[in-house]
C-alpha cells in the first residue's frame, strides 16, 4: 500500500514523460549506458545545476539518471542490499544543516 502523502504523482509522471522523450530523442538506454554515457557523472552535474538554479526540472533528471544506474549499473561493485536508512539525514532548523542518525525521530 502506498501512502499517498509520501509520494508525488506529478513527479513520477514527469519522470516517465522525460524518459519517453529521451527514448525518441536518443534511443534506448541500453544503447548508451553504461558504455557511452556515465549516469552518475550526469546525475552529479544535474545536482550542481539544481543547487545553482533551483530549477526542479533537474530533479527529474537526477532521479532518472539514478534509475538508469540501478537498471544498467556501471559501478564495479554494484549490488542491491537494502539498508535501513541508518546512514543519517541532514537536518536544519534555522541554521546550517547538521547530520543526525535516524534514531529518536
N, C-alpha and C. Protein backbone atom coordinates (compact mmCIF):
# COMPACT_ATOMS: atom_id res chain seq x y z
N UNK A 1 0.84 -1.18 0.00
CA UNK A 1 0.00 0.00 0.00
C UNK A 1 0.89 1.25 0.00
N UNK A 2 0.61 2.15 -0.88
CA UNK A 2 1.35 3.40 -0.96
C UNK A 2 0.61 4.46 -0.15
N UNK A 3 1.32 5.12 0.71
CA UNK A 3 0.75 6.21 1.47
C UNK A 3 0.80 7.44 0.57
N UNK A 4 -0.34 7.89 0.12
CA UNK A 4 -0.42 8.96 -0.87
C UNK A 4 0.30 10.24 -0.44
N UNK A 5 0.35 10.51 0.87
CA UNK A 5 1.01 11.74 1.32
C UNK A 5 2.52 11.67 1.17
N UNK A 6 3.08 10.49 0.90
CA UNK A 6 4.53 10.29 0.85
C UNK A 6 5.08 10.19 -0.56
N UNK A 7 4.23 10.30 -1.56
CA UNK A 7 4.69 10.25 -2.95
C UNK A 7 4.15 11.46 -3.69
N UNK A 8 4.73 11.72 -4.85
CA UNK A 8 4.31 12.85 -5.65
C UNK A 8 4.02 12.34 -7.06
N UNK A 9 2.76 12.20 -7.37
CA UNK A 9 2.37 11.66 -8.68
C UNK A 9 2.85 12.55 -9.83
N UNK A 10 2.82 13.86 -9.65
CA UNK A 10 3.30 14.76 -10.70
C UNK A 10 4.77 14.48 -11.00
N UNK A 11 5.58 14.29 -9.96
CA UNK A 11 6.99 13.98 -10.13
C UNK A 11 7.15 12.68 -10.91
N UNK A 12 6.41 11.66 -10.51
CA UNK A 12 6.51 10.37 -11.21
C UNK A 12 6.08 10.47 -12.66
N UNK A 13 5.01 11.22 -12.91
CA UNK A 13 4.56 11.41 -14.29
C UNK A 13 5.62 12.15 -15.10
N UNK A 14 6.21 13.18 -14.53
CA UNK A 14 7.26 13.93 -15.22
C UNK A 14 8.46 13.04 -15.53
N UNK A 15 8.85 12.17 -14.58
CA UNK A 15 9.94 11.23 -14.82
C UNK A 15 9.64 10.36 -16.04
N UNK A 16 8.44 9.81 -16.07
CA UNK A 16 8.04 8.94 -17.18
C UNK A 16 8.03 9.71 -18.50
N UNK A 17 7.49 10.92 -18.49
CA UNK A 17 7.45 11.73 -19.70
C UNK A 17 8.86 12.03 -20.19
N UNK A 18 9.76 12.35 -19.26
CA UNK A 18 11.13 12.67 -19.62
C UNK A 18 11.83 11.46 -20.24
N UNK A 19 11.62 10.29 -19.67
CA UNK A 19 12.24 9.09 -20.23
C UNK A 19 11.67 8.76 -21.60
N UNK A 20 10.39 9.02 -21.80
CA UNK A 20 9.78 8.77 -23.11
C UNK A 20 10.37 9.71 -24.16
N UNK A 21 10.49 10.99 -23.84
CA UNK A 21 11.09 11.96 -24.76
C UNK A 21 12.52 11.55 -25.08
N UNK A 22 13.28 11.16 -24.04
CA UNK A 22 14.67 10.75 -24.25
C UNK A 22 14.78 9.52 -25.14
N UNK A 23 13.83 8.60 -24.99
CA UNK A 23 13.83 7.40 -25.84
C UNK A 23 13.74 7.79 -27.31
N UNK A 24 12.82 8.68 -27.63
CA UNK A 24 12.65 9.09 -29.02
C UNK A 24 13.75 10.03 -29.50
N UNK A 25 14.36 10.75 -28.59
CA UNK A 25 15.42 11.68 -28.94
C UNK A 25 16.77 10.98 -29.09
N UNK A 26 17.08 10.06 -28.14
CA UNK A 26 18.41 9.44 -28.09
C UNK A 26 18.42 7.93 -28.35
N UNK A 27 17.27 7.29 -28.27
CA UNK A 27 17.20 5.85 -28.44
C UNK A 27 17.14 5.13 -27.09
N UNK A 28 17.10 3.80 -27.13
CA UNK A 28 17.00 3.01 -25.89
C UNK A 28 18.21 3.22 -24.98
N UNK A 29 17.97 3.20 -23.67
CA UNK A 29 19.06 3.42 -22.72
C UNK A 29 20.15 2.37 -22.87
N UNK A 30 19.79 1.15 -23.22
CA UNK A 30 20.77 0.07 -23.36
C UNK A 30 21.80 0.34 -24.46
N UNK A 31 21.48 1.26 -25.37
CA UNK A 31 22.44 1.61 -26.43
C UNK A 31 23.48 2.61 -25.96
N UNK A 32 23.25 3.24 -24.81
CA UNK A 32 24.18 4.28 -24.35
C UNK A 32 24.80 3.99 -22.98
N UNK A 33 24.09 3.30 -22.14
CA UNK A 33 24.54 3.09 -20.75
C UNK A 33 24.95 1.65 -20.55
N UNK A 34 25.98 1.41 -19.82
CA UNK A 34 26.93 2.34 -19.24
C UNK A 34 28.16 2.59 -20.12
N UNK A 35 28.18 2.03 -21.32
CA UNK A 35 29.40 2.07 -22.14
C UNK A 35 29.65 3.40 -22.87
N UNK A 36 28.63 4.24 -23.08
CA UNK A 36 28.83 5.53 -23.75
C UNK A 36 28.59 6.71 -22.82
N UNK A 37 27.60 6.60 -21.95
CA UNK A 37 27.22 7.71 -21.08
C UNK A 37 27.33 7.27 -19.62
N UNK A 38 27.89 8.13 -18.80
CA UNK A 38 28.04 7.84 -17.37
C UNK A 38 26.86 8.47 -16.63
N UNK A 39 25.97 7.63 -16.13
CA UNK A 39 24.76 8.11 -15.46
C UNK A 39 25.10 8.86 -14.17
N UNK A 40 26.08 8.40 -13.42
CA UNK A 40 26.40 9.04 -12.13
C UNK A 40 27.04 10.41 -12.36
N UNK A 41 27.94 10.52 -13.31
CA UNK A 41 28.53 11.83 -13.62
C UNK A 41 27.45 12.79 -14.11
N UNK A 42 26.53 12.29 -14.90
CA UNK A 42 25.43 13.12 -15.40
C UNK A 42 24.52 13.54 -14.25
N UNK A 43 24.26 12.62 -13.33
CA UNK A 43 23.45 12.92 -12.15
C UNK A 43 24.11 14.02 -11.31
N UNK A 44 25.41 13.89 -11.08
CA UNK A 44 26.13 14.88 -10.27
C UNK A 44 26.10 16.26 -10.91
N UNK A 45 26.22 16.30 -12.24
CA UNK A 45 26.16 17.60 -12.93
C UNK A 45 24.78 18.22 -12.73
N UNK A 46 23.71 17.43 -12.88
CA UNK A 46 22.35 17.96 -12.70
C UNK A 46 22.13 18.42 -11.26
N UNK A 47 22.74 17.73 -10.30
CA UNK A 47 22.61 18.15 -8.90
C UNK A 47 23.27 19.52 -8.69
N UNK A 48 24.44 19.71 -9.27
CA UNK A 48 25.10 21.03 -9.18
C UNK A 48 24.24 22.11 -9.83
N UNK A 49 23.66 21.80 -10.98
CA UNK A 49 22.80 22.77 -11.66
C UNK A 49 21.56 23.09 -10.84
N UNK A 50 20.99 22.08 -10.21
CA UNK A 50 19.83 22.32 -9.35
C UNK A 50 20.22 23.22 -8.18
N UNK A 51 21.36 22.93 -7.56
CA UNK A 51 21.82 23.73 -6.43
C UNK A 51 22.05 25.18 -6.85
N UNK A 52 22.53 25.39 -8.06
CA UNK A 52 22.80 26.75 -8.55
C UNK A 52 21.53 27.50 -8.93
N UNK A 53 20.56 26.78 -9.52
CA UNK A 53 19.43 27.46 -10.12
C UNK A 53 18.10 27.27 -9.39
N UNK A 54 17.95 26.14 -8.70
CA UNK A 54 16.66 25.82 -8.09
C UNK A 54 15.63 25.29 -9.07
N UNK A 55 16.03 25.03 -10.32
CA UNK A 55 15.11 24.54 -11.34
C UNK A 55 14.76 23.08 -11.06
N UNK A 56 13.50 22.82 -10.73
CA UNK A 56 13.05 21.48 -10.35
C UNK A 56 13.18 20.47 -11.49
N UNK A 57 13.27 20.94 -12.72
CA UNK A 57 13.44 20.01 -13.84
C UNK A 57 14.70 19.17 -13.67
N UNK A 58 15.73 19.74 -13.04
CA UNK A 58 16.95 18.96 -12.80
C UNK A 58 16.71 17.82 -11.83
N UNK A 59 15.75 17.95 -10.93
CA UNK A 59 15.43 16.85 -10.01
C UNK A 59 14.88 15.65 -10.77
N UNK A 60 14.12 15.92 -11.83
CA UNK A 60 13.61 14.84 -12.68
C UNK A 60 14.79 14.10 -13.30
N UNK A 61 15.73 14.86 -13.87
CA UNK A 61 16.91 14.24 -14.49
C UNK A 61 17.70 13.43 -13.47
N UNK A 62 17.90 13.99 -12.28
CA UNK A 62 18.66 13.29 -11.23
C UNK A 62 18.03 11.94 -10.93
N UNK A 63 16.72 11.95 -10.76
CA UNK A 63 16.01 10.71 -10.46
C UNK A 63 16.12 9.71 -11.61
N UNK A 64 16.00 10.19 -12.83
CA UNK A 64 16.09 9.28 -13.97
C UNK A 64 17.50 8.72 -14.14
N UNK A 65 18.52 9.54 -13.92
CA UNK A 65 19.89 9.01 -14.00
C UNK A 65 20.14 7.97 -12.91
N UNK A 66 19.58 8.18 -11.72
CA UNK A 66 19.71 7.19 -10.64
C UNK A 66 19.03 5.88 -11.05
N UNK A 67 17.87 5.99 -11.67
CA UNK A 67 17.16 4.78 -12.11
C UNK A 67 17.93 4.06 -13.23
N UNK A 68 18.54 4.83 -14.12
CA UNK A 68 19.34 4.22 -15.19
C UNK A 68 20.53 3.47 -14.58
N UNK A 69 21.21 4.08 -13.60
CA UNK A 69 22.34 3.41 -12.96
C UNK A 69 21.88 2.13 -12.27
N UNK A 70 20.70 2.17 -11.64
CA UNK A 70 20.15 0.98 -10.99
C UNK A 70 19.86 -0.11 -12.02
N UNK A 71 19.35 0.28 -13.18
CA UNK A 71 18.96 -0.66 -14.23
C UNK A 71 20.16 -1.21 -14.99
N UNK A 72 21.10 -0.33 -15.32
CA UNK A 72 22.29 -0.69 -16.10
C UNK A 72 23.53 -0.17 -15.38
N UNK A 73 23.89 -0.78 -14.27
CA UNK A 73 24.95 -0.23 -13.42
C UNK A 73 26.33 -0.24 -14.07
N UNK A 74 27.04 0.87 -13.82
CA UNK A 74 28.43 0.97 -14.25
C UNK A 74 29.38 0.75 -13.08
N UNK A 75 28.89 0.93 -11.87
CA UNK A 75 29.73 0.77 -10.68
C UNK A 75 30.24 -0.66 -10.61
N UNK A 76 31.55 -0.85 -10.47
CA UNK A 76 32.10 -2.21 -10.48
C UNK A 76 31.63 -3.07 -9.29
N UNK A 77 31.23 -2.44 -8.22
CA UNK A 77 30.77 -3.18 -7.04
C UNK A 77 29.26 -3.07 -6.83
N UNK A 78 28.53 -2.80 -7.91
CA UNK A 78 27.08 -2.65 -7.78
C UNK A 78 26.48 -3.87 -7.10
N UNK A 79 25.62 -3.62 -6.15
CA UNK A 79 24.84 -4.68 -5.52
C UNK A 79 23.58 -4.03 -4.97
N UNK A 80 22.60 -4.82 -4.70
CA UNK A 80 21.33 -4.32 -4.20
C UNK A 80 21.08 -4.94 -2.84
N UNK A 81 21.54 -4.25 -1.81
CA UNK A 81 21.41 -4.71 -0.45
C UNK A 81 20.69 -3.63 0.35
N UNK A 82 19.36 -3.70 0.44
CA UNK A 82 18.61 -2.64 1.11
C UNK A 82 19.15 -2.32 2.51
N UNK A 83 19.19 -1.03 2.81
CA UNK A 83 19.64 -0.57 4.13
C UNK A 83 18.43 -0.06 4.90
N UNK A 84 18.63 0.21 6.16
CA UNK A 84 17.53 0.72 6.98
C UNK A 84 17.53 2.24 7.06
N UNK A 85 18.37 2.89 6.27
CA UNK A 85 18.44 4.35 6.29
C UNK A 85 19.25 4.87 7.46
N UNK A 86 20.00 4.01 8.15
CA UNK A 86 20.76 4.40 9.31
C UNK A 86 21.95 5.28 9.01
N UNK A 87 22.15 5.61 7.73
CA UNK A 87 23.27 6.47 7.36
C UNK A 87 23.08 7.88 7.87
N UNK A 88 21.89 8.24 8.24
CA UNK A 88 21.61 9.58 8.76
C UNK A 88 21.02 10.49 7.70
N UNK A 89 20.54 11.61 8.16
CA UNK A 89 19.98 12.64 7.29
C UNK A 89 20.51 13.98 7.76
N UNK A 90 20.42 14.95 6.87
CA UNK A 90 20.82 16.30 7.25
C UNK A 90 19.60 17.09 7.67
N UNK A 91 19.66 17.60 8.88
CA UNK A 91 18.56 18.36 9.47
C UNK A 91 18.96 19.82 9.55
N UNK A 92 18.00 20.68 9.40
CA UNK A 92 18.27 22.09 9.62
C UNK A 92 17.04 22.75 10.22
N UNK A 93 17.32 23.58 11.16
CA UNK A 93 16.23 24.33 11.80
C UNK A 93 16.73 25.75 12.03
N UNK A 94 16.74 26.50 10.97
CA UNK A 94 17.13 27.90 11.06
C UNK A 94 18.61 28.16 10.93
N UNK A 95 19.42 27.13 10.89
CA UNK A 95 20.86 27.31 10.77
C UNK A 95 21.42 26.37 9.74
N UNK A 96 22.72 26.14 9.77
CA UNK A 96 23.31 25.21 8.81
C UNK A 96 22.83 23.78 9.07
N UNK A 97 22.75 23.02 8.01
CA UNK A 97 22.31 21.63 8.13
C UNK A 97 23.34 20.81 8.90
N UNK A 98 22.86 19.95 9.77
CA UNK A 98 23.74 19.05 10.52
C UNK A 98 23.26 17.63 10.33
N UNK A 99 24.19 16.70 10.33
CA UNK A 99 23.84 15.30 10.12
C UNK A 99 23.45 14.69 11.44
N UNK A 100 22.33 13.96 11.43
CA UNK A 100 21.88 13.20 12.60
C UNK A 100 21.52 11.80 12.15
N UNK A 101 21.70 10.85 13.03
CA UNK A 101 21.27 9.50 12.75
C UNK A 101 19.75 9.46 12.80
N UNK A 102 19.15 8.43 12.22
CA UNK A 102 17.71 8.36 12.11
C UNK A 102 17.02 7.82 13.36
N UNK A 103 17.75 7.57 14.41
CA UNK A 103 17.10 7.08 15.62
C UNK A 103 16.54 8.25 16.43
N UNK A 104 15.53 8.01 17.17
CA UNK A 104 14.98 9.04 18.04
C UNK A 104 14.22 10.14 17.32
N UNK A 105 13.63 9.81 16.15
CA UNK A 105 12.88 10.83 15.42
C UNK A 105 11.61 11.22 16.15
